[in-house]
Amino acid sequence: MSKKSSLSSNQLGFFGELFQQAKLTFQLFLDPKVPIYLKALPLAAIAYLIFPFDFLPDVVPGFGQLDDMAILLLGAKIFIELAPQDVVAQYLGQIRTQDDADNIKSGQSNEKEGKLEEDDIIEGIIIDEDEDK
């Protein structure tokens, strides 16, 4: 009936994609195929979070934590980009498949028990009886 693929990044939203990126970073960090020198990137980002020196002081409420969050996100993003792409694709596929299965189990799938939505596609032939006359 419906030709829907896995959730795209704009359907997940910011926090959903952030969670996927965190899971992907963790799985890549544990994978032996990822070079050890690349694994220093997420560790350096976490070390920046722990150590007391910052680009923006933490005494300014809100702004002090922005640089910490930016360094964590940037470290994870660069780590994912530099990791072997076949390994990234493998884990990303597993994460998306698991997220899709979780959505179906929780009843959040796009197909609702036989009811069609506006963007559902039905394959078949359209026959207009008025054209035959």
N, C-alpha and C. Protein backbone atom coordinates (compact mmCIF):
# COMPACT_ATOMS: atom_id res chain seq x y z
N MET A 1 0.82 -1.18 0.00
CA MET A 1 0.00 0.00 0.00
C MET A 1 0.87 1.25 0.00
N SER A 2 1.42 1.60 1.12
CA SER A 2 2.18 2.84 1.23
C SER A 2 3.65 2.59 0.93
N LYS A 3 4.28 3.53 0.25
CA LYS A 3 5.68 3.42 -0.12
C LYS A 3 6.50 4.36 0.75
N LYS A 4 6.53 4.17 2.02
CA LYS A 4 7.27 5.03 2.94
C LYS A 4 8.57 4.34 3.33
N SER A 5 9.65 5.10 3.35
CA SER A 5 10.93 4.55 3.78
C SER A 5 11.15 4.92 5.24
N SER A 6 12.36 4.64 5.73
CA SER A 6 12.66 4.96 7.11
C SER A 6 12.60 6.45 7.33
N LEU A 7 12.56 6.83 8.60
CA LEU A 7 12.43 8.24 8.95
C LEU A 7 13.62 9.03 8.43
N SER A 8 13.33 10.15 7.81
CA SER A 8 14.42 11.02 7.38
C SER A 8 14.79 11.94 8.54
N SER A 9 15.91 12.63 8.38
CA SER A 9 16.39 13.45 9.49
C SER A 9 15.44 14.60 9.81
N ASN A 10 14.73 15.16 8.82
CA ASN A 10 13.82 16.25 9.12
C ASN A 10 12.54 15.75 9.79
N GLN A 11 12.22 14.48 9.73
CA GLN A 11 11.08 13.94 10.44
C GLN A 11 11.43 13.64 11.90
N LEU A 12 12.70 13.40 12.18
CA LEU A 12 13.13 13.08 13.53
C LEU A 12 13.13 14.30 14.44
N GLY A 13 13.47 15.43 13.91
CA GLY A 13 13.62 16.62 14.71
C GLY A 13 15.02 16.70 15.28
N PHE A 14 15.29 17.82 15.92
CA PHE A 14 16.63 18.08 16.43
C PHE A 14 17.05 17.06 17.48
N PHE A 15 16.20 16.81 18.46
CA PHE A 15 16.57 15.92 19.55
C PHE A 15 16.64 14.46 19.11
N GLY A 16 15.79 14.06 18.17
CA GLY A 16 15.86 12.70 17.64
C GLY A 16 17.15 12.45 16.90
N GLU A 17 17.54 13.43 16.08
CA GLU A 17 18.80 13.28 15.35
C GLU A 17 19.99 13.35 16.30
N LEU A 18 19.89 14.17 17.32
CA LEU A 18 20.95 14.26 18.32
C LEU A 18 21.14 12.93 19.03
N PHE A 19 20.04 12.27 19.36
CA PHE A 19 20.09 10.97 20.02
C PHE A 19 20.69 9.92 19.09
N GLN A 20 20.29 9.95 17.80
CA GLN A 20 20.87 9.02 16.82
C GLN A 20 22.37 9.23 16.68
N GLN A 21 22.79 10.49 16.65
CA GLN A 21 24.21 10.80 16.52
C GLN A 21 24.99 10.32 17.74
N ALA A 22 24.39 10.44 18.92
CA ALA A 22 25.05 9.96 20.13
C ALA A 22 25.20 8.44 20.10
N LYS A 23 24.15 7.72 19.69
CA LYS A 23 24.23 6.27 19.59
C LYS A 23 25.25 5.84 18.55
N LEU A 24 25.28 6.54 17.41
CA LEU A 24 26.22 6.22 16.36
C LEU A 24 27.66 6.46 16.82
N THR A 25 27.88 7.57 17.51
CA THR A 25 29.22 7.87 18.03
C THR A 25 29.68 6.79 19.00
N PHE A 26 28.81 6.37 19.90
CA PHE A 26 29.15 5.33 20.87
C PHE A 26 29.48 4.02 20.18
N GLN A 27 28.66 3.61 19.20
CA GLN A 27 28.90 2.35 18.50
C GLN A 27 30.19 2.39 17.69
N LEU A 28 30.47 3.53 17.05
CA LEU A 28 31.71 3.67 16.29
C LEU A 28 32.92 3.66 17.22
N PHE A 29 32.77 4.25 18.39
CA PHE A 29 33.87 4.29 19.36
C PHE A 29 34.25 2.87 19.80
N LEU A 30 33.27 1.99 19.92
CA LEU A 30 33.53 0.62 20.36
C LEU A 30 33.97 -0.30 19.22
N ASP A 31 33.80 0.12 17.98
CA ASP A 31 34.13 -0.74 16.85
C ASP A 31 35.64 -0.82 16.62
N PRO A 32 36.18 -2.03 16.48
CA PRO A 32 37.63 -2.16 16.26
C PRO A 32 38.08 -1.72 14.87
N LYS A 33 37.16 -1.57 13.90
CA LYS A 33 37.53 -1.15 12.56
C LYS A 33 37.84 0.35 12.48
N VAL A 34 37.40 1.11 13.48
CA VAL A 34 37.66 2.55 13.51
C VAL A 34 39.05 2.76 14.10
N PRO A 35 39.91 3.50 13.41
CA PRO A 35 41.28 3.70 13.91
C PRO A 35 41.30 4.35 15.30
N ILE A 36 42.27 3.95 16.09
CA ILE A 36 42.34 4.42 17.48
C ILE A 36 42.63 5.92 17.56
N TYR A 37 43.37 6.47 16.59
CA TYR A 37 43.66 7.90 16.64
C TYR A 37 42.39 8.73 16.44
N LEU A 38 41.39 8.19 15.72
CA LEU A 38 40.11 8.90 15.57
C LEU A 38 39.31 8.88 16.87
N LYS A 39 39.49 7.84 17.65
CA LYS A 39 38.73 7.72 18.90
C LYS A 39 39.17 8.77 19.92
N ALA A 40 40.27 9.46 19.64
CA ALA A 40 40.71 10.55 20.53
C ALA A 40 39.79 11.77 20.41
N LEU A 41 39.09 11.93 19.28
CA LEU A 41 38.22 13.10 19.10
C LEU A 41 37.08 13.16 20.13
N PRO A 42 36.27 12.10 20.27
CA PRO A 42 35.21 12.18 21.28
C PRO A 42 35.77 12.28 22.70
N LEU A 43 36.91 11.63 22.94
CA LEU A 43 37.53 11.72 24.26
C LEU A 43 38.00 13.14 24.56
N ALA A 44 38.55 13.80 23.54
CA ALA A 44 38.99 15.19 23.72
C ALA A 44 37.80 16.11 23.99
N ALA A 45 36.68 15.86 23.32
CA ALA A 45 35.48 16.67 23.54
C ALA A 45 34.95 16.48 24.97
N ILE A 46 34.96 15.25 25.45
CA ILE A 46 34.52 14.98 26.82
C ILE A 46 35.50 15.59 27.82
N ALA A 47 36.80 15.52 27.52
CA ALA A 47 37.81 16.12 28.41
C ALA A 47 37.60 17.63 28.51
N TYR A 48 37.26 18.27 27.39
CA TYR A 48 36.99 19.71 27.41
C TYR A 48 35.81 20.02 28.33
N LEU A 49 34.83 19.15 28.32
CA LEU A 49 33.65 19.33 29.17
C LEU A 49 34.03 19.22 30.65
N ILE A 50 34.95 18.32 30.97
CA ILE A 50 35.32 18.06 32.36
C ILE A 50 36.30 19.10 32.91
N PHE A 51 37.28 19.50 32.10
CA PHE A 51 38.31 20.42 32.59
C PHE A 51 37.72 21.82 32.85
N PRO A 52 38.30 22.54 33.79
CA PRO A 52 37.71 23.81 34.21
C PRO A 52 37.93 24.99 33.24
N PHE A 53 38.83 24.88 32.27
CA PHE A 53 39.03 26.01 31.36
C PHE A 53 38.01 25.95 30.22
N ASP A 54 37.50 27.11 29.81
CA ASP A 54 36.48 27.21 28.77
C ASP A 54 36.77 28.42 27.89
N PHE A 55 36.22 28.40 26.67
CA PHE A 55 36.28 29.58 25.82
C PHE A 55 35.36 30.66 26.37
N LEU A 56 34.18 30.26 26.79
CA LEU A 56 33.23 31.16 27.45
C LEU A 56 33.11 30.72 28.90
N PRO A 57 33.30 31.63 29.85
CA PRO A 57 33.22 31.22 31.26
C PRO A 57 31.81 30.73 31.62
N ASP A 58 31.76 29.75 32.51
CA ASP A 58 30.48 29.18 32.92
C ASP A 58 29.72 30.07 33.89
N VAL A 59 30.30 31.20 34.28
CA VAL A 59 29.59 32.09 35.20
C VAL A 59 28.45 32.81 34.51
N VAL A 60 28.51 32.94 33.19
CA VAL A 60 27.41 33.55 32.45
C VAL A 60 26.36 32.46 32.24
N PRO A 61 25.18 32.60 32.88
CA PRO A 61 24.16 31.54 32.77
C PRO A 61 23.72 31.31 31.32
N GLY A 62 23.74 30.07 30.91
CA GLY A 62 23.31 29.70 29.56
C GLY A 62 24.43 29.76 28.54
N PHE A 63 25.09 30.90 28.44
CA PHE A 63 26.14 31.07 27.45
C PHE A 63 27.37 30.24 27.78
N GLY A 64 27.64 30.05 29.04
CA GLY A 64 28.81 29.26 29.44
C GLY A 64 28.70 27.80 29.04
N GLN A 65 27.49 27.29 28.96
CA GLN A 65 27.28 25.90 28.59
C GLN A 65 27.20 25.71 27.07
N LEU A 66 27.00 26.80 26.34
CA LEU A 66 26.90 26.70 24.88
C LEU A 66 28.20 26.21 24.24
N ASP A 67 29.34 26.72 24.73
CA ASP A 67 30.60 26.26 24.14
C ASP A 67 30.85 24.79 24.47
N ASP A 68 30.44 24.35 25.66
CA ASP A 68 30.58 22.93 26.01
C ASP A 68 29.77 22.05 25.06
N MET A 69 28.52 22.45 24.83
CA MET A 69 27.64 21.69 23.94
C MET A 69 28.17 21.73 22.50
N ALA A 70 28.65 22.88 22.07
CA ALA A 70 29.18 23.01 20.71
C ALA A 70 30.40 22.11 20.50
N ILE A 71 31.28 22.06 21.49
CA ILE A 71 32.48 21.21 21.37
C ILE A 71 32.08 19.73 21.32
N LEU A 72 31.12 19.33 22.14
CA LEU A 72 30.66 17.92 22.12
C LEU A 72 30.06 17.57 20.76
N LEU A 73 29.18 18.43 20.25
CA LEU A 73 28.54 18.16 18.96
C LEU A 73 29.54 18.17 17.82
N LEU A 74 30.46 19.13 17.84
CA LEU A 74 31.47 19.23 16.80
C LEU A 74 32.42 18.03 16.84
N GLY A 75 32.82 17.61 18.03
CA GLY A 75 33.68 16.45 18.15
C GLY A 75 33.02 15.18 17.63
N ALA A 76 31.73 14.99 17.95
CA ALA A 76 31.00 13.81 17.47
C ALA A 76 30.83 13.87 15.96
N LYS A 77 30.50 15.04 15.43
CA LYS A 77 30.28 15.19 13.99
C LYS A 77 31.56 14.91 13.19
N ILE A 78 32.67 15.47 13.63
CA ILE A 78 33.95 15.25 12.94
C ILE A 78 34.36 13.78 13.05
N PHE A 79 34.15 13.18 14.22
CA PHE A 79 34.46 11.76 14.41
C PHE A 79 33.68 10.89 13.43
N ILE A 80 32.39 11.16 13.28
CA ILE A 80 31.54 10.39 12.37
C ILE A 80 31.98 10.60 10.92
N GLU A 81 32.31 11.84 10.57
CA GLU A 81 32.72 12.14 9.19
C GLU A 81 34.05 11.47 8.83
N LEU A 82 34.97 11.37 9.78
CA LEU A 82 36.29 10.80 9.50
C LEU A 82 36.34 9.27 9.65
N ALA A 83 35.34 8.69 10.30
CA ALA A 83 35.30 7.24 10.47
C ALA A 83 35.07 6.58 9.12
N PRO A 84 35.48 5.30 8.95
CA PRO A 84 35.25 4.60 7.68
C PRO A 84 33.77 4.59 7.33
N GLN A 85 33.46 5.03 6.12
CA GLN A 85 32.07 5.23 5.72
C GLN A 85 31.26 3.93 5.66
N ASP A 86 31.91 2.81 5.36
CA ASP A 86 31.17 1.55 5.34
C ASP A 86 30.71 1.15 6.74
N VAL A 87 31.54 1.44 7.74
CA VAL A 87 31.18 1.14 9.13
C VAL A 87 30.07 2.09 9.59
N VAL A 88 30.18 3.36 9.22
CA VAL A 88 29.15 4.35 9.58
C VAL A 88 27.82 3.94 8.96
N ALA A 89 27.82 3.57 7.69
CA ALA A 89 26.58 3.17 7.01
C ALA A 89 25.97 1.93 7.66
N GLN A 90 26.80 0.99 8.06
CA GLN A 90 26.31 -0.22 8.70
C GLN A 90 25.58 0.11 10.01
N TYR A 91 26.22 0.89 10.87
CA TYR A 91 25.62 1.22 12.16
C TYR A 91 24.42 2.15 12.02
N LEU A 92 24.50 3.08 11.08
CA LEU A 92 23.38 3.99 10.87
C LEU A 92 22.15 3.24 10.37
N GLY A 93 22.38 2.26 9.50
CA GLY A 93 21.27 1.41 9.05
C GLY A 93 20.65 0.62 10.19
N GLN A 94 21.50 0.10 11.07
CA GLN A 94 20.99 -0.64 12.23
C GLN A 94 20.18 0.26 13.16
N ILE A 95 20.67 1.47 13.39
CA ILE A 95 19.98 2.41 14.28
C ILE A 95 18.63 2.79 13.69
N ARG A 96 18.60 3.10 12.40
CA ARG A 96 17.33 3.50 11.77
C ARG A 96 16.35 2.34 11.72
N THR A 97 16.83 1.13 11.45
CA THR A 97 15.94 -0.04 11.45
C THR A 97 15.35 -0.27 12.84
N GLN A 98 16.19 -0.13 13.86
CA GLN A 98 15.72 -0.31 15.23
C GLN A 98 14.72 0.78 15.60
N ASP A 99 14.98 2.02 15.20
CA ASP A 99 14.05 3.12 15.50
C ASP A 99 12.72 2.91 14.79
N ASP A 100 12.76 2.43 13.53
CA ASP A 100 11.52 2.15 12.81
C ASP A 100 10.73 1.04 13.49
N ALA A 101 11.42 0.00 13.93
CA ALA A 101 10.75 -1.10 14.62
C ALA A 101 10.14 -0.62 15.93
N ASP A 102 10.86 0.24 16.65
CA ASP A 102 10.32 0.78 17.90
C ASP A 102 9.08 1.63 17.64
N ASN A 103 9.08 2.41 16.54
CA ASN A 103 7.92 3.23 16.21
C ASN A 103 6.71 2.37 15.86
N ILE A 104 6.94 1.27 15.15
CA ILE A 104 5.84 0.39 14.79
C ILE A 104 5.28 -0.30 16.03
N LYS A 105 6.17 -0.73 16.93
CA LYS A 105 5.72 -1.39 18.17
C LYS A 105 4.92 -0.44 19.04
N SER A 106 5.30 0.82 19.06
CA SER A 106 4.61 1.78 19.93
C SER A 106 3.36 2.36 19.26
N GLY A 107 3.08 1.95 18.01
CA GLY A 107 1.86 2.41 17.35
C GLY A 107 2.02 3.75 16.66
N GLN A 108 3.23 4.18 16.43
CA GLN A 108 3.45 5.48 15.80
C GLN A 108 3.75 5.35 14.32
N SER A 109 3.40 4.25 13.70
CA SER A 109 3.70 4.09 12.28
C SER A 109 2.77 4.98 11.47
N ASN A 110 3.14 5.22 10.22
CA ASN A 110 2.37 6.10 9.36
C ASN A 110 1.11 5.45 8.82
N GLU A 111 1.07 4.12 8.78
CA GLU A 111 -0.12 3.44 8.32
C GLU A 111 -1.00 3.14 9.52
N LYS A 112 -2.27 3.52 9.41
CA LYS A 112 -3.17 3.37 10.54
C LYS A 112 -4.26 2.35 10.21
N GLU A 113 -4.00 1.11 10.51
CA GLU A 113 -4.97 0.02 10.42
C GLU A 113 -5.89 0.13 9.21
N GLY A 114 -5.30 0.22 8.03
CA GLY A 114 -6.10 0.20 6.82
C GLY A 114 -6.66 1.55 6.40
N LYS A 115 -6.53 2.58 7.19
CA LYS A 115 -7.02 3.90 6.82
C LYS A 115 -5.94 4.61 6.02
N LEU A 116 -6.34 5.25 4.94
CA LEU A 116 -5.39 5.93 4.08
C LEU A 116 -5.24 7.39 4.49
N GLU A 117 -4.04 7.90 4.34
CA GLU A 117 -3.78 9.31 4.58
C GLU A 117 -3.61 9.99 3.24
N GLU A 118 -3.52 11.32 3.24
CA GLU A 118 -3.40 12.07 2.01
C GLU A 118 -2.18 11.69 1.19
N ASP A 119 -1.06 11.45 1.84
CA ASP A 119 0.17 11.19 1.11
C ASP A 119 0.45 9.71 0.88
N ASP A 120 -0.52 8.83 1.12
CA ASP A 120 -0.35 7.42 0.83
C ASP A 120 -0.48 7.20 -0.67
N ILE A 121 0.31 6.27 -1.17
CA ILE A 121 0.32 5.96 -2.59
C ILE A 121 -0.28 4.57 -2.77
N ILE A 122 -1.22 4.47 -3.68
CA ILE A 122 -1.82 3.18 -3.99
C ILE A 122 -1.44 2.86 -5.43
N GLU A 123 -0.84 1.67 -5.60
CA GLU A 123 -0.45 1.26 -6.94
C GLU A 123 -1.65 0.62 -7.63
N GLY A 124 -1.79 0.94 -8.89
CA GLY A 124 -2.88 0.34 -9.65
C GLY A 124 -3.19 1.16 -10.88
N ILE A 125 -4.26 0.78 -11.55
CA ILE A 125 -4.68 1.46 -12.77
C ILE A 125 -5.93 2.26 -12.46
N ILE A 126 -5.94 3.50 -12.95
CA ILE A 126 -7.12 4.34 -12.77
C ILE A 126 -7.97 4.20 -14.03
N ILE A 127 -9.22 3.82 -13.84
CA ILE A 127 -10.15 3.66 -14.96
C ILE A 127 -11.22 4.71 -14.81
N ASP A 128 -11.34 5.53 -15.83
CA ASP A 128 -12.38 6.57 -15.84
C ASP A 128 -13.48 6.08 -16.77
N GLU A 129 -14.63 5.74 -16.21
CA GLU A 129 -15.72 5.17 -17.00
C GLU A 129 -16.32 6.16 -17.98
N ASP A 130 -16.19 7.46 -17.72
CA ASP A 130 -16.75 8.47 -18.60
C ASP A 130 -16.01 8.55 -19.93
N GLU A 131 -14.74 8.18 -19.96
CA GLU A 131 -13.96 8.24 -21.18
C GLU A 131 -14.36 7.16 -22.19
N ASP A 132 -14.92 6.05 -21.72
CA ASP A 132 -15.30 4.97 -22.61
C ASP A 132 -16.53 5.31 -23.44
N LYS A 133 -17.32 6.25 -23.04
CA LYS A 133 -18.60 6.55 -23.71
C LYS A 133 -18.46 7.56 -24.79
